[in-house]
């Protein structure tokens, strides 16, 4: 069962044993989505040295901001075990976090590079890598329980930055908002009746950055909006 979004502000910290924290991560061999489980199993055979499991959220347990992406990339987080680490999408994200003073250390595209986030947590709408980077609606819906619990386990959470339409939709529902009243638009700021603020951005994927749909200044605008909404 998904936690009550109205209780998100008073949830226990991740560091403390609590029901919501325990529900925030799927098991390593999660079978809730058969297609994703089969794809994960095939990747384990092909690449036994990769992480090949639901990728847990990562960052500062005292975060005021949670960045929500779509899903792990097959050669990125699915390989390294850390969100947005190991593929193109993480380059702009972590560079922007550093520019705004939201990280400490140097990002080296490895889960053991020593990078730390300051006031920020990173998660995904879907925890397992989907074939062709395209989760189906049932998988998005099924995995939302983990996003809801993850947000509930961040006691200082105030702002969610959603990367892309799917992350936006999942975040709205996880935070107790109503989708028709909260349309996606880059750098849009939505103040939800549940007390949280949702900020939108185009996803920092290779496709979006290569085509110019998302530029570094545009991405920085979204982060600036998130910081202003704190």
Protein backbone atom coordinates (compact mmCIF):
# COMPACT_ATOMS: atom_id res chain seq x y z
CA UNK A 1 0.00 0.00 0.00
CA UNK A 2 1.26 3.49 -0.82
CA UNK A 3 1.85 5.80 2.16
CA UNK A 4 -0.55 8.68 2.70
CA UNK A 5 1.00 11.74 0.97
CA UNK A 6 -0.43 13.94 3.72
CA UNK A 7 2.00 12.27 6.12
CA UNK A 8 5.10 12.90 4.01
CA UNK A 9 6.38 15.85 6.05
CA UNK A 10 6.35 13.90 9.30
CA UNK A 11 7.83 10.62 8.07
CA UNK A 12 10.89 9.19 9.83
CA UNK A 13 14.37 9.77 8.37
CA UNK A 14 15.90 7.12 6.15
CA UNK A 15 18.55 6.44 8.78
CA UNK A 16 15.92 5.31 11.27
CA UNK A 17 14.04 2.01 11.02
CA UNK A 18 10.54 2.87 9.90
CA UNK A 19 7.77 1.37 7.84
CA UNK A 20 8.06 3.91 5.05
CA UNK A 21 11.83 3.58 4.81
CA UNK A 22 11.54 -0.20 4.67
CA UNK A 23 9.08 0.10 1.81
CA UNK A 24 11.19 2.56 -0.20
CA UNK A 25 13.27 -0.02 -2.04
CA UNK A 26 12.17 -3.12 -3.94
CA UNK A 27 14.06 -6.37 -3.26
CA UNK A 28 17.03 -7.17 -5.48
CA UNK A 29 15.06 -9.94 -7.17
CA UNK A 30 11.78 -8.05 -7.41
CA UNK A 31 9.30 -9.92 -9.62
CA UNK A 32 6.45 -7.40 -9.65
CA UNK A 33 7.02 -6.54 -13.31
CA UNK A 34 7.67 -9.76 -15.27
CA UNK A 35 9.01 -8.02 -18.39
CA UNK A 36 11.52 -6.01 -16.37
CA UNK A 37 12.50 -9.06 -14.30
CA UNK A 38 13.16 -11.05 -17.49
CA UNK A 39 15.24 -8.23 -18.97
CA UNK A 40 17.19 -7.91 -15.74
CA UNK A 41 17.87 -11.66 -15.75
CA UNK A 42 19.10 -11.52 -19.35
CA UNK A 43 21.46 -8.69 -18.46
CA UNK A 44 22.81 -10.68 -15.54
CA UNK A 45 23.71 -13.49 -17.91
CA UNK A 46 25.24 -11.16 -20.49
CA UNK A 47 27.00 -8.90 -17.98
CA UNK A 48 27.46 -10.74 -14.66
CA UNK A 49 29.77 -8.01 -13.32
CA UNK A 50 27.08 -5.29 -13.63
CA UNK A 51 24.69 -4.23 -10.85
CA UNK A 52 21.64 -5.62 -12.72
CA UNK A 53 19.02 -5.00 -10.02
CA UNK A 54 16.47 -2.37 -9.01
CA UNK A 55 18.57 0.76 -8.53
CA UNK A 56 18.04 2.34 -5.11
CA UNK A 57 17.65 6.05 -4.55
CA UNK A 58 20.82 7.84 -3.51
CA UNK A 59 21.85 11.07 -1.86
CA UNK A 60 21.45 13.10 1.32
CA UNK A 61 18.88 11.58 3.72
CA UNK A 62 18.26 15.12 5.00
CA UNK A 63 17.51 16.36 1.48
CA UNK A 64 15.08 19.22 0.86
CA UNK A 65 15.13 18.45 -2.89
CA UNK A 66 14.50 15.14 -4.63
CA UNK A 67 15.35 14.80 -8.31
CA UNK A 68 13.16 12.15 -9.96
CA UNK A 69 14.22 10.62 -13.27
CA UNK A 70 12.57 8.06 -15.51
CA UNK A 71 14.44 4.77 -15.06
CA UNK A 72 18.01 3.40 -14.95
CA UNK A 73 19.93 3.34 -18.22
CA UNK A 74 21.14 -0.08 -19.27
CA UNK A 75 24.84 0.91 -19.34
CA UNK A 76 24.40 3.63 -16.73
CA UNK A 77 22.74 3.04 -13.37
CA UNK A 78 21.88 -0.56 -14.26
CA UNK A 79 25.61 -1.13 -14.64
CA UNK A 80 26.95 0.98 -11.78
CA UNK A 81 24.12 0.78 -9.24
CA UNK A 82 23.87 4.54 -8.69
CA UNK A 83 21.26 6.83 -10.32
CA UNK A 84 22.49 8.76 -13.37
CA UNK A 85 25.97 7.29 -13.10
CA UNK A 86 27.81 5.79 -16.04
CA UNK A 87 25.94 7.16 -19.04
CA UNK A 88 25.42 10.48 -20.81
CA UNK A 89 22.41 11.62 -18.75
CA UNK A 90 24.46 11.96 -15.59
CA UNK A 91 27.01 14.34 -17.10
CA UNK A 92 24.72 17.35 -17.20
CA UNK A 93 22.89 16.45 -14.00
CA UNK A 94 25.97 16.15 -11.81
CA UNK A 95 27.67 19.14 -13.42
CA UNK A 96 24.61 21.23 -12.63
CA UNK A 97 24.45 19.98 -9.05
CA UNK A 98 28.08 21.00 -8.62
CA UNK A 99 27.49 24.42 -10.16
CA UNK A 100 24.74 25.15 -7.64
CA UNK A 101 26.79 23.89 -4.69
CA UNK A 102 24.58 20.85 -4.19
CA UNK A 103 27.38 18.29 -4.23
CA UNK A 104 30.81 17.77 -2.69
CA UNK A 105 33.70 16.01 -4.37
CA UNK A 106 34.26 15.12 -8.00
CA UNK A 107 31.87 13.19 -10.19
CA UNK A 108 33.81 10.46 -12.00
CA UNK A 109 30.87 8.39 -13.31
CA UNK A 110 31.55 5.61 -10.79
CA UNK A 111 29.49 4.63 -7.77
CA UNK A 112 32.69 4.68 -5.69
CA UNK A 113 33.98 8.08 -6.87
CA UNK A 114 33.40 9.60 -3.43
CA UNK A 115 30.86 12.16 -4.62
CA UNK A 116 28.39 13.36 -1.97
CA UNK A 117 25.15 15.25 -2.43
CA UNK A 118 24.24 18.16 -0.16
CA UNK A 119 20.53 18.65 0.39
CA UNK A 120 19.63 16.53 -2.63
CA UNK A 121 18.37 12.99 -3.13
CA UNK A 122 18.03 11.27 -6.53
CA UNK A 123 15.50 8.61 -7.44
CA UNK A 124 13.61 7.23 -10.44
CA UNK A 125 9.97 6.67 -11.28
CA UNK A 126 10.88 3.10 -12.29
CA UNK A 127 13.68 1.28 -10.45
CA UNK A 128 14.59 -1.39 -13.02
CA UNK A 129 16.03 -0.78 -16.46
CA UNK A 130 13.34 -1.21 -19.13
CA UNK A 131 13.99 -2.55 -22.64
CA UNK A 132 14.74 0.33 -25.03
CA UNK A 133 14.45 2.72 -22.04
CA UNK A 134 10.65 2.56 -22.33
CA UNK A 135 8.66 1.33 -19.32
CA UNK A 136 5.02 0.49 -20.01
CA UNK A 137 2.18 2.11 -18.01
CA UNK A 138 1.63 -0.94 -15.79
CA UNK A 139 5.30 -0.93 -14.78
CA UNK A 140 5.23 2.78 -13.99
CA UNK A 141 2.12 2.30 -11.87
CA UNK A 142 3.50 -0.75 -10.06
CA UNK A 143 6.79 0.94 -9.18
CA UNK A 144 5.15 4.12 -7.91
CA UNK A 145 4.72 2.57 -4.47
CA UNK A 146 8.51 2.70 -4.04
CA UNK A 147 8.75 6.32 -5.16
CA UNK A 148 5.95 7.26 -2.76
CA UNK A 149 7.71 5.52 0.11
CA UNK A 150 11.03 7.08 -0.85
CA UNK A 151 9.58 10.58 -0.74
CA UNK A 152 7.87 9.75 2.55
CA UNK A 153 11.22 8.72 4.02
CA UNK A 154 12.77 12.15 3.40
CA UNK A 155 11.71 14.17 6.47
CA UNK A 156 12.94 17.54 5.16
CA UNK A 157 11.60 17.22 1.64
CA UNK A 158 10.11 20.42 0.21
CA UNK A 159 10.70 20.33 -3.54
CA UNK A 160 10.67 17.61 -6.20
CA UNK A 161 12.33 18.22 -9.57
CA UNK A 162 10.83 15.87 -12.16
CA UNK A 163 12.85 15.07 -15.26
CA UNK A 164 10.45 14.39 -18.11
CA UNK A 165 6.74 13.71 -18.45
CA UNK A 166 6.68 10.24 -16.90
CA UNK A 167 8.65 11.36 -13.85
CA UNK A 168 6.32 14.37 -13.61
CA UNK A 169 3.20 12.20 -13.66
CA UNK A 170 4.58 9.75 -11.09
CA UNK A 171 5.75 12.54 -8.81
CA UNK A 172 2.39 14.33 -8.96
CA UNK A 173 0.58 11.16 -7.95
CA UNK A 174 3.15 10.24 -5.29
CA UNK A 175 2.81 13.71 -3.75
CA UNK A 176 -0.98 13.60 -3.73
CA UNK A 177 -1.58 16.05 -6.57
CA UNK A 178 -4.09 15.88 -9.41
CA UNK A 179 -2.67 15.52 -12.93
CA UNK A 180 -5.25 17.60 -14.82
CA UNK A 181 -4.40 20.54 -12.55
CA UNK A 182 -0.63 20.07 -12.88
CA UNK A 183 0.44 20.07 -16.56
CA UNK A 184 4.04 19.35 -17.48
CA UNK A 185 6.13 22.21 -18.85
CA UNK A 186 9.85 22.85 -18.69
CA UNK A 187 10.82 24.97 -15.65
CA UNK A 188 7.18 25.12 -14.54
CA UNK A 189 6.63 25.47 -10.80
CA UNK A 190 3.61 23.74 -9.26
CA UNK A 191 2.69 24.36 -5.64
CA UNK A 192 0.62 21.37 -4.60
CA UNK A 193 -2.16 21.47 -2.04
CA UNK A 194 -0.26 18.84 -0.03
CA UNK A 195 2.43 21.40 0.79
CA UNK A 196 5.11 20.33 -1.67
CA UNK A 197 6.43 22.14 -4.71
CA UNK A 198 7.00 20.30 -7.98
CA UNK A 199 9.32 21.74 -10.62
CA UNK A 200 9.55 20.28 -14.12
CA UNK A 201 12.44 19.87 -16.52
CA UNK A 202 13.01 18.08 -19.76
CA UNK A 203 15.04 14.95 -19.10
CA UNK A 204 18.81 15.35 -19.42
CA UNK A 205 19.05 12.46 -21.88
CA UNK A 206 21.54 12.33 -24.73
CA UNK A 207 18.70 12.71 -27.22
CA UNK A 208 17.36 15.87 -25.59
CA UNK A 209 20.77 17.51 -25.21
CA UNK A 210 22.01 16.50 -28.67
CA UNK A 211 18.89 17.84 -30.37
CA UNK A 212 18.89 21.07 -28.37
CA UNK A 213 15.55 20.34 -26.74
CA UNK A 214 17.41 20.80 -23.45
CA UNK A 215 20.47 23.03 -23.08
CA UNK A 216 22.66 23.54 -20.03
CA UNK A 217 21.19 27.03 -19.38
CA UNK A 218 17.66 25.60 -19.63
CA UNK A 219 18.53 22.87 -17.13
CA UNK A 220 20.04 25.46 -14.81
CA UNK A 221 16.82 27.45 -15.05
CA UNK A 222 14.90 24.47 -13.69
CA UNK A 223 17.33 24.07 -10.79
CA UNK A 224 17.21 27.80 -10.08
CA UNK A 225 13.40 27.53 -9.92
CA UNK A 226 13.68 24.60 -7.51
CA UNK A 227 16.06 26.52 -5.26
CA UNK A 228 13.83 29.60 -5.32
CA UNK A 229 10.86 27.42 -4.31
CA UNK A 230 12.64 25.97 -1.29
